[in-house]
Amino acid sequence: LRGVVLAAGNDRPHVITQVTEHPA
């Protein structure tokens, strides 16, 4: 997650997950 977001280089990157994901 962090690797993709920081490599993307966007000012305001958007991530999608779902409410029952693992806390990690």
mmCIF file of all heavy atoms, coordinates in Angstrom:
data_MODEL
# 
_entry.id   MODEL 
# 
loop_
_atom_site.group_PDB 
_atom_site.id 
_atom_site.type_symbol 
_atom_site.label_atom_id 
_atom_site.label_alt_id 
_atom_site.label_comp_id 
_atom_site.label_asym_id 
_atom_site.label_entity_id 
_atom_site.label_seq_id 
_atom_site.pdbx_PDB_ins_code 
_atom_site.Cartn_x 
_atom_site.Cartn_y 
_atom_site.Cartn_z 
_atom_site.occupancy 
_atom_site.B_iso_or_equiv 
_atom_site.pdbx_formal_charge 
_atom_site.auth_seq_id 
_atom_site.auth_comp_id 
_atom_site.auth_asym_id 
_atom_site.auth_atom_id 
_atom_site.pdbx_PDB_model_num 
ATOM 1   N N   . LEU A 1 1  ? 0.827   -1.217 0.000  1.00 0.00 ? 1  LEU A N   1 
ATOM 2   C CA  . LEU A 1 1  ? 0.000   0.000  0.000  1.00 0.00 ? 1  LEU A CA  1 
ATOM 3   C C   . LEU A 1 1  ? 0.857   1.262  0.000  1.00 0.00 ? 1  LEU A C   1 
ATOM 4   O O   . LEU A 1 1  ? 0.699   2.135  -0.857 1.00 0.00 ? 1  LEU A O   1 
ATOM 5   C CB  . LEU A 1 1  ? -0.942  -0.003 1.208  1.00 0.00 ? 1  LEU A CB  1 
ATOM 6   C CG  . LEU A 1 1  ? -2.283  -0.705 0.985  1.00 0.00 ? 1  LEU A CG  1 
ATOM 7   C CD1 . LEU A 1 1  ? -2.106  -2.215 0.844  1.00 0.00 ? 1  LEU A CD1 1 
ATOM 8   C CD2 . LEU A 1 1  ? -3.254  -0.412 2.130  1.00 0.00 ? 1  LEU A CD2 1 
ATOM 9   N N   . ARG A 1 2  ? 1.753   1.348  0.956  1.00 0.00 ? 2  ARG A N   1 
ATOM 10  C CA  . ARG A 1 2  ? 2.598   2.541  1.026  1.00 0.00 ? 2  ARG A CA  1 
ATOM 11  C C   . ARG A 1 2  ? 3.511   2.624  -0.193 1.00 0.00 ? 2  ARG A C   1 
ATOM 12  O O   . ARG A 1 2  ? 3.739   3.717  -0.736 1.00 0.00 ? 2  ARG A O   1 
ATOM 13  C CB  . ARG A 1 2  ? 3.435   2.504  2.303  1.00 0.00 ? 2  ARG A CB  1 
ATOM 14  C CG  . ARG A 1 2  ? 4.358   3.714  2.488  1.00 0.00 ? 2  ARG A CG  1 
ATOM 15  C CD  . ARG A 1 2  ? 5.217   3.541  3.732  1.00 0.00 ? 2  ARG A CD  1 
ATOM 16  N NE  . ARG A 1 2  ? 6.178   4.624  3.869  1.00 0.00 ? 2  ARG A NE  1 
ATOM 17  C CZ  . ARG A 1 2  ? 7.354   4.661  3.260  1.00 0.00 ? 2  ARG A CZ  1 
ATOM 18  N NH1 . ARG A 1 2  ? 7.706   3.682  2.432  1.00 0.00 ? 2  ARG A NH1 1 
ATOM 19  N NH2 . ARG A 1 2  ? 8.178   5.681  3.454  1.00 0.00 ? 2  ARG A NH2 1 
ATOM 20  N N   . GLY A 1 3  ? 4.003   1.452  -0.624 1.00 0.00 ? 3  GLY A N   1 
ATOM 21  C CA  . GLY A 1 3  ? 4.899   1.438  -1.769 1.00 0.00 ? 3  GLY A CA  1 
ATOM 22  C C   . GLY A 1 3  ? 4.265   1.978  -3.028 1.00 0.00 ? 3  GLY A C   1 
ATOM 23  O O   . GLY A 1 3  ? 4.887   2.739  -3.774 1.00 0.00 ? 3  GLY A O   1 
ATOM 24  N N   . VAL A 1 4  ? 3.017   1.591  -3.284 1.00 0.00 ? 4  VAL A N   1 
ATOM 25  C CA  . VAL A 1 4  ? 2.330   2.076  -4.475 1.00 0.00 ? 4  VAL A CA  1 
ATOM 26  C C   . VAL A 1 4  ? 2.028   3.564  -4.364 1.00 0.00 ? 4  VAL A C   1 
ATOM 27  O O   . VAL A 1 4  ? 2.252   4.336  -5.311 1.00 0.00 ? 4  VAL A O   1 
ATOM 28  C CB  . VAL A 1 4  ? 1.021   1.284  -4.703 1.00 0.00 ? 4  VAL A CB  1 
ATOM 29  C CG1 . VAL A 1 4  ? 0.150   1.974  -5.750 1.00 0.00 ? 4  VAL A CG1 1 
ATOM 30  C CG2 . VAL A 1 4  ? 1.334   -0.134 -5.146 1.00 0.00 ? 4  VAL A CG2 1 
ATOM 31  N N   . VAL A 1 5  ? 1.508   3.985  -3.226 1.00 0.00 ? 5  VAL A N   1 
ATOM 32  C CA  . VAL A 1 5  ? 1.113   5.386  -3.068 1.00 0.00 ? 5  VAL A CA  1 
ATOM 33  C C   . VAL A 1 5  ? 2.307   6.321  -3.225 1.00 0.00 ? 5  VAL A C   1 
ATOM 34  O O   . VAL A 1 5  ? 2.234   7.335  -3.938 1.00 0.00 ? 5  VAL A O   1 
ATOM 35  C CB  . VAL A 1 5  ? 0.435   5.595  -1.701 1.00 0.00 ? 5  VAL A CB  1 
ATOM 36  C CG1 . VAL A 1 5  ? 0.322   7.080  -1.364 1.00 0.00 ? 5  VAL A CG1 1 
ATOM 37  C CG2 . VAL A 1 5  ? -0.956  4.949  -1.700 1.00 0.00 ? 5  VAL A CG2 1 
ATOM 38  N N   . LEU A 1 6  ? 3.429   5.995  -2.580 1.00 0.00 ? 6  LEU A N   1 
ATOM 39  C CA  . LEU A 1 6  ? 4.586   6.891  -2.670 1.00 0.00 ? 6  LEU A CA  1 
ATOM 40  C C   . LEU A 1 6  ? 5.249   6.833  -4.037 1.00 0.00 ? 6  LEU A C   1 
ATOM 41  O O   . LEU A 1 6  ? 5.780   7.833  -4.517 1.00 0.00 ? 6  LEU A O   1 
ATOM 42  C CB  . LEU A 1 6  ? 5.597   6.546  -1.574 1.00 0.00 ? 6  LEU A CB  1 
ATOM 43  C CG  . LEU A 1 6  ? 5.131   6.762  -0.128 1.00 0.00 ? 6  LEU A CG  1 
ATOM 44  C CD1 . LEU A 1 6  ? 6.293   6.628  0.829  1.00 0.00 ? 6  LEU A CD1 1 
ATOM 45  C CD2 . LEU A 1 6  ? 4.464   8.124  0.041  1.00 0.00 ? 6  LEU A CD2 1 
ATOM 46  N N   . ALA A 1 7  ? 5.203   5.678  -4.688 1.00 0.00 ? 7  ALA A N   1 
ATOM 47  C CA  . ALA A 1 7  ? 5.799   5.580  -6.028 1.00 0.00 ? 7  ALA A CA  1 
ATOM 48  C C   . ALA A 1 7  ? 4.959   6.287  -7.073 1.00 0.00 ? 7  ALA A C   1 
ATOM 49  O O   . ALA A 1 7  ? 5.482   6.708  -8.119 1.00 0.00 ? 7  ALA A O   1 
ATOM 50  C CB  . ALA A 1 7  ? 5.976   4.111  -6.411 1.00 0.00 ? 7  ALA A CB  1 
ATOM 51  N N   . ALA A 1 8  ? 3.669   6.453  -6.799 1.00 0.00 ? 8  ALA A N   1 
ATOM 52  C CA  . ALA A 1 8  ? 2.783   7.086  -7.784 1.00 0.00 ? 8  ALA A CA  1 
ATOM 53  C C   . ALA A 1 8  ? 3.115   8.551  -7.983 1.00 0.00 ? 8  ALA A C   1 
ATOM 54  O O   . ALA A 1 8  ? 2.944   9.091  -9.084 1.00 0.00 ? 8  ALA A O   1 
ATOM 55  C CB  . ALA A 1 8  ? 1.331   6.932  -7.351 1.00 0.00 ? 8  ALA A CB  1 
ATOM 56  N N   . GLY A 1 9  ? 3.565   9.216  -6.919 1.00 0.00 ? 9  GLY A N   1 
ATOM 57  C CA  . GLY A 1 9  ? 3.949   10.618 -7.030 1.00 0.00 ? 9  GLY A CA  1 
ATOM 58  C C   . GLY A 1 9  ? 2.785   11.587 -7.179 1.00 0.00 ? 9  GLY A C   1 
ATOM 59  O O   . GLY A 1 9  ? 2.996   12.745 -7.551 1.00 0.00 ? 9  GLY A O   1 
ATOM 60  N N   . ASN A 1 10 ? 1.571   11.155 -6.895 1.00 0.00 ? 10 ASN A N   1 
ATOM 61  C CA  . ASN A 1 10 ? 0.406   12.047 -6.994 1.00 0.00 ? 10 ASN A CA  1 
ATOM 62  C C   . ASN A 1 10 ? 0.317   12.945 -5.774 1.00 0.00 ? 10 ASN A C   1 
ATOM 63  O O   . ASN A 1 10 ? 0.672   12.542 -4.660 1.00 0.00 ? 10 ASN A O   1 
ATOM 64  C CB  . ASN A 1 10 ? -0.889  11.227 -7.101 1.00 0.00 ? 10 ASN A CB  1 
ATOM 65  C CG  . ASN A 1 10 ? -0.939  10.418 -8.384 1.00 0.00 ? 10 ASN A CG  1 
ATOM 66  O OD1 . ASN A 1 10 ? 0.044   10.315 -9.100 1.00 0.00 ? 10 ASN A OD1 1 
ATOM 67  N ND2 . ASN A 1 10 ? -2.091  9.845  -8.679 1.00 0.00 ? 10 ASN A ND2 1 
ATOM 68  N N   . ASP A 1 11 ? -0.207  14.148 -5.981 1.00 0.00 ? 11 ASP A N   1 
ATOM 69  C CA  . ASP A 1 11 ? -0.385  15.053 -4.855 1.00 0.00 ? 11 ASP A CA  1 
ATOM 70  C C   . ASP A 1 11 ? -1.455  14.539 -3.887 1.00 0.00 ? 11 ASP A C   1 
ATOM 71  O O   . ASP A 1 11 ? -1.313  14.679 -2.682 1.00 0.00 ? 11 ASP A O   1 
ATOM 72  C CB  . ASP A 1 11 ? -0.780  16.453 -5.349 1.00 0.00 ? 11 ASP A CB  1 
ATOM 73  C CG  . ASP A 1 11 ? 0.358   17.149 -6.065 1.00 0.00 ? 11 ASP A CG  1 
ATOM 74  O OD1 . ASP A 1 11 ? 1.527   16.775 -5.799 1.00 0.00 ? 11 ASP A OD1 1 
ATOM 75  O OD2 . ASP A 1 11 ? 0.099   18.038 -6.893 1.00 0.00 ? 11 ASP A OD2 1 
ATOM 76  N N   . ARG A 1 12 ? -2.523  13.979 -4.427 1.00 0.00 ? 12 ARG A N   1 
ATOM 77  C CA  . ARG A 1 12 ? -3.591  13.452 -3.578 1.00 0.00 ? 12 ARG A CA  1 
ATOM 78  C C   . ARG A 1 12 ? -4.045  12.099 -4.135 1.00 0.00 ? 12 ARG A C   1 
ATOM 79  O O   . ARG A 1 12 ? -5.101  11.980 -4.752 1.00 0.00 ? 12 ARG A O   1 
ATOM 80  C CB  . ARG A 1 12 ? -4.754  14.442 -3.502 1.00 0.00 ? 12 ARG A CB  1 
ATOM 81  C CG  . ARG A 1 12 ? -5.796  14.038 -2.455 1.00 0.00 ? 12 ARG A CG  1 
ATOM 82  C CD  . ARG A 1 12 ? -6.656  15.239 -2.047 1.00 0.00 ? 12 ARG A CD  1 
ATOM 83  N NE  . ARG A 1 12 ? -7.763  14.863 -1.189 1.00 0.00 ? 12 ARG A NE  1 
ATOM 84  C CZ  . ARG A 1 12 ? -7.651  14.518 0.085  1.00 0.00 ? 12 ARG A CZ  1 
ATOM 85  N NH1 . ARG A 1 12 ? -6.451  14.465 0.635  1.00 0.00 ? 12 ARG A NH1 1 
ATOM 86  N NH2 . ARG A 1 12 ? -8.722  14.216 0.806  1.00 0.00 ? 12 ARG A NH2 1 
ATOM 87  N N   . PRO A 1 13 ? -3.242  11.075 -3.913 1.00 0.00 ? 13 PRO A N   1 
ATOM 88  C CA  . PRO A 1 13 ? -3.584  9.756  -4.458 1.00 0.00 ? 13 PRO A CA  1 
ATOM 89  C C   . PRO A 1 13 ? -4.835  9.184  -3.797 1.00 0.00 ? 13 PRO A C   1 
ATOM 90  O O   . PRO A 1 13 ? -5.105  9.445  -2.618 1.00 0.00 ? 13 PRO A O   1 
ATOM 91  C CB  . PRO A 1 13 ? -2.352  8.908  -4.139 1.00 0.00 ? 13 PRO A CB  1 
ATOM 92  C CG  . PRO A 1 13 ? -1.745  9.581  -2.938 1.00 0.00 ? 13 PRO A CG  1 
ATOM 93  C CD  . PRO A 1 13 ? -1.996  11.043 -3.121 1.00 0.00 ? 13 PRO A CD  1 
ATOM 94  N N   . HIS A 1 14 ? -5.563  8.417  -4.560 1.00 0.00 ? 14 HIS A N   1 
ATOM 95  C CA  . HIS A 1 14 ? -6.801  7.820  -4.072 1.00 0.00 ? 14 HIS A CA  1 
ATOM 96  C C   . HIS A 1 14 ? -6.624  6.306  -3.952 1.00 0.00 ? 14 HIS A C   1 
ATOM 97  O O   . HIS A 1 14 ? -6.157  5.649  -4.880 1.00 0.00 ? 14 HIS A O   1 
ATOM 98  C CB  . HIS A 1 14 ? -7.954  8.137  -5.041 1.00 0.00 ? 14 HIS A CB  1 
ATOM 99  C CG  . HIS A 1 14 ? -9.272  7.559  -4.633 1.00 0.00 ? 14 HIS A CG  1 
ATOM 100 N ND1 . HIS A 1 14 ? -10.116 6.926  -5.530 1.00 0.00 ? 14 HIS A ND1 1 
ATOM 101 C CD2 . HIS A 1 14 ? -9.902  7.515  -3.433 1.00 0.00 ? 14 HIS A CD2 1 
ATOM 102 C CE1 . HIS A 1 14 ? -11.211 6.528  -4.891 1.00 0.00 ? 14 HIS A CE1 1 
ATOM 103 N NE2 . HIS A 1 14 ? -11.104 6.870  -3.621 1.00 0.00 ? 14 HIS A NE2 1 
ATOM 104 N N   . VAL A 1 15 ? -6.974  5.757  -2.792 1.00 0.00 ? 15 VAL A N   1 
ATOM 105 C CA  . VAL A 1 15 ? -6.879  4.328  -2.508 1.00 0.00 ? 15 VAL A CA  1 
ATOM 106 C C   . VAL A 1 15 ? -8.274  3.828  -2.162 1.00 0.00 ? 15 VAL A C   1 
ATOM 107 O O   . VAL A 1 15 ? -9.046  4.523  -1.498 1.00 0.00 ? 15 VAL A O   1 
ATOM 108 C CB  . VAL A 1 15 ? -5.901  4.049  -1.348 1.00 0.00 ? 15 VAL A CB  1 
ATOM 109 C CG1 . VAL A 1 15 ? -5.895  2.561  -0.977 1.00 0.00 ? 15 VAL A CG1 1 
ATOM 110 C CG2 . VAL A 1 15 ? -4.503  4.523  -1.692 1.00 0.00 ? 15 VAL A CG2 1 
ATOM 111 N N   . ILE A 1 16 ? -8.585  2.621  -2.597 1.00 0.00 ? 16 ILE A N   1 
ATOM 112 C CA  . ILE A 1 16 ? -9.876  2.006  -2.280 1.00 0.00 ? 16 ILE A CA  1 
ATOM 113 C C   . ILE A 1 16 ? -9.637  0.682  -1.571 1.00 0.00 ? 16 ILE A C   1 
ATOM 114 O O   . ILE A 1 16 ? -8.818  -0.128 -2.012 1.00 0.00 ? 16 ILE A O   1 
ATOM 115 C CB  . ILE A 1 16 ? -10.711 1.757  -3.556 1.00 0.00 ? 16 ILE A CB  1 
ATOM 116 C CG1 . ILE A 1 16 ? -10.989 3.078  -4.291 1.00 0.00 ? 16 ILE A CG1 1 
ATOM 117 C CG2 . ILE A 1 16 ? -12.028 1.066  -3.216 1.00 0.00 ? 16 ILE A CG2 1 
ATOM 118 C CD1 . ILE A 1 16 ? -11.696 2.887  -5.631 1.00 0.00 ? 16 ILE A CD1 1 
ATOM 119 N N   . THR A 1 17 ? -10.332 0.483  -0.471 1.00 0.00 ? 17 THR A N   1 
ATOM 120 C CA  . THR A 1 17 ? -10.321 -0.808 0.199  1.00 0.00 ? 17 THR A CA  1 
ATOM 121 C C   . THR A 1 17 ? -11.744 -1.090 0.647  1.00 0.00 ? 17 THR A C   1 
ATOM 122 O O   . THR A 1 17 ? -12.686 -0.441 0.194  1.00 0.00 ? 17 THR A O   1 
ATOM 123 C CB  . THR A 1 17 ? -9.317  -0.837 1.369  1.00 0.00 ? 17 THR A CB  1 
ATOM 124 O OG1 . THR A 1 17 ? -9.221  -2.170 1.881  1.00 0.00 ? 17 THR A OG1 1 
ATOM 125 C CG2 . THR A 1 17 ? -9.705  0.121  2.471  1.00 0.00 ? 17 THR A CG2 1 
ATOM 126 N N   . GLN A 1 18 ? -11.927 -2.074 1.525  1.00 0.00 ? 18 GLN A N   1 
ATOM 127 C CA  . GLN A 1 18 ? -13.282 -2.375 1.984  1.00 0.00 ? 18 GLN A CA  1 
ATOM 128 C C   . GLN A 1 18 ? -13.297 -2.508 3.507  1.00 0.00 ? 18 GLN A C   1 
ATOM 129 O O   . GLN A 1 18 ? -12.257 -2.741 4.135  1.00 0.00 ? 18 GLN A O   1 
ATOM 130 C CB  . GLN A 1 18 ? -13.834 -3.616 1.293  1.00 0.00 ? 18 GLN A CB  1 
ATOM 131 C CG  . GLN A 1 18 ? -12.901 -4.793 1.243  1.00 0.00 ? 18 GLN A CG  1 
ATOM 132 C CD  . GLN A 1 18 ? -13.252 -5.882 2.240  1.00 0.00 ? 18 GLN A CD  1 
ATOM 133 O OE1 . GLN A 1 18 ? -14.358 -5.945 2.729  1.00 0.00 ? 18 GLN A OE1 1 
ATOM 134 N NE2 . GLN A 1 18 ? -12.308 -6.751 2.530  1.00 0.00 ? 18 GLN A NE2 1 
ATOM 135 N N   . VAL A 1 19 ? -14.472 -2.372 4.082  1.00 0.00 ? 19 VAL A N   1 
ATOM 136 C CA  . VAL A 1 19 ? -14.581 -2.173 5.526  1.00 0.00 ? 19 VAL A CA  1 
ATOM 137 C C   . VAL A 1 19 ? -14.197 -3.394 6.344  1.00 0.00 ? 19 VAL A C   1 
ATOM 138 O O   . VAL A 1 19 ? -13.873 -3.258 7.524  1.00 0.00 ? 19 VAL A O   1 
ATOM 139 C CB  . VAL A 1 19 ? -16.009 -1.724 5.922  1.00 0.00 ? 19 VAL A CB  1 
ATOM 140 C CG1 . VAL A 1 19 ? -16.299 -0.327 5.396  1.00 0.00 ? 19 VAL A CG1 1 
ATOM 141 C CG2 . VAL A 1 19 ? -17.054 -2.727 5.414  1.00 0.00 ? 19 VAL A CG2 1 
ATOM 142 N N   . THR A 1 20 ? -14.199 -4.583 5.769  1.00 0.00 ? 20 THR A N   1 
ATOM 143 C CA  . THR A 1 20 ? -13.869 -5.779 6.546  1.00 0.00 ? 20 THR A CA  1 
ATOM 144 C C   . THR A 1 20 ? -12.450 -6.266 6.305  1.00 0.00 ? 20 THR A C   1 
ATOM 145 O O   . THR A 1 20 ? -12.113 -7.419 6.590  1.00 0.00 ? 20 THR A O   1 
ATOM 146 C CB  . THR A 1 20 ? -14.862 -6.927 6.248  1.00 0.00 ? 20 THR A CB  1 
ATOM 147 O OG1 . THR A 1 20 ? -14.822 -7.248 4.853  1.00 0.00 ? 20 THR A OG1 1 
ATOM 148 C CG2 . THR A 1 20 ? -16.279 -6.524 6.620  1.00 0.00 ? 20 THR A CG2 1 
ATOM 149 N N   . GLU A 1 21 ? -11.594 -5.403 5.799  1.00 0.00 ? 21 GLU A N   1 
ATOM 150 C CA  . GLU A 1 21 ? -10.184 -5.769 5.605  1.00 0.00 ? 21 GLU A CA  1 
ATOM 151 C C   . GLU A 1 21 ? -9.487  -6.037 6.945  1.00 0.00 ? 21 GLU A C   1 
ATOM 152 O O   . GLU A 1 21 ? -9.941  -5.590 8.006  1.00 0.00 ? 21 GLU A O   1 
ATOM 153 C CB  . GLU A 1 21 ? -9.436  -4.635 4.894  1.00 0.00 ? 21 GLU A CB  1 
ATOM 154 C CG  . GLU A 1 21 ? -9.570  -4.645 3.398  1.00 0.00 ? 21 GLU A CG  1 
ATOM 155 C CD  . GLU A 1 21 ? -8.920  -5.836 2.735  1.00 0.00 ? 21 GLU A CD  1 
ATOM 156 O OE1 . GLU A 1 21 ? -7.812  -6.232 3.138  1.00 0.00 ? 21 GLU A OE1 1 
ATOM 157 O OE2 . GLU A 1 21 ? -9.525  -6.388 1.808  1.00 0.00 ? 21 GLU A OE2 1 
ATOM 158 N N   . HIS A 1 22 ? -8.347  -6.698 6.875  1.00 0.00 ? 22 HIS A N   1 
ATOM 159 C CA  . HIS A 1 22 ? -7.503  -6.913 8.043  1.00 0.00 ? 22 HIS A CA  1 
ATOM 160 C C   . HIS A 1 22 ? -6.956  -5.559 8.520  1.00 0.00 ? 22 HIS A C   1 
ATOM 161 O O   . HIS A 1 22 ? -6.712  -4.662 7.711  1.00 0.00 ? 22 HIS A O   1 
ATOM 162 C CB  . HIS A 1 22 ? -6.351  -7.843 7.670  1.00 0.00 ? 22 HIS A CB  1 
ATOM 163 C CG  . HIS A 1 22 ? -5.565  -8.329 8.844  1.00 0.00 ? 22 HIS A CG  1 
ATOM 164 N ND1 . HIS A 1 22 ? -4.554  -7.583 9.421  1.00 0.00 ? 22 HIS A ND1 1 
ATOM 165 C CD2 . HIS A 1 22 ? -5.645  -9.475 9.574  1.00 0.00 ? 22 HIS A CD2 1 
ATOM 166 C CE1 . HIS A 1 22 ? -4.037  -8.252 10.434 1.00 0.00 ? 22 HIS A CE1 1 
ATOM 167 N NE2 . HIS A 1 22 ? -4.679  -9.407 10.550 1.00 0.00 ? 22 HIS A NE2 1 
ATOM 168 N N   . PRO A 1 23 ? -6.751  -5.399 9.834  1.00 0.00 ? 23 PRO A N   1 
ATOM 169 C CA  . PRO A 1 23 ? -6.184  -4.137 10.338 1.00 0.00 ? 23 PRO A CA  1 
ATOM 170 C C   . PRO A 1 23 ? -4.868  -3.743 9.693  1.00 0.00 ? 23 PRO A C   1 
ATOM 171 O O   . PRO A 1 23 ? -4.544  -2.549 9.629  1.00 0.00 ? 23 PRO A O   1 
ATOM 172 C CB  . PRO A 1 23 ? -6.005  -4.408 11.837 1.00 0.00 ? 23 PRO A CB  1 
ATOM 173 C CG  . PRO A 1 23 ? -7.063  -5.411 12.162 1.00 0.00 ? 23 PRO A CG  1 
ATOM 174 C CD  . PRO A 1 23 ? -7.157  -6.291 10.936 1.00 0.00 ? 23 PRO A CD  1 
ATOM 175 N N   . ALA A 1 24 ? -4.083  -4.700 9.203  1.00 0.00 ? 24 ALA A N   1 
ATOM 176 C CA  . ALA A 1 24 ? -2.822  -4.351 8.549  1.00 0.00 ? 24 ALA A CA  1 
ATOM 177 C C   . ALA A 1 24 ? -3.057  -3.471 7.335  1.00 0.00 ? 24 ALA A C   1 
ATOM 178 O O   . ALA A 1 24 ? -2.229  -2.612 7.006  1.00 0.00 ? 24 ALA A O   1 
ATOM 179 C CB  . ALA A 1 24 ? -2.072  -5.618 8.133  1.00 0.00 ? 24 ALA A CB  1 
# 
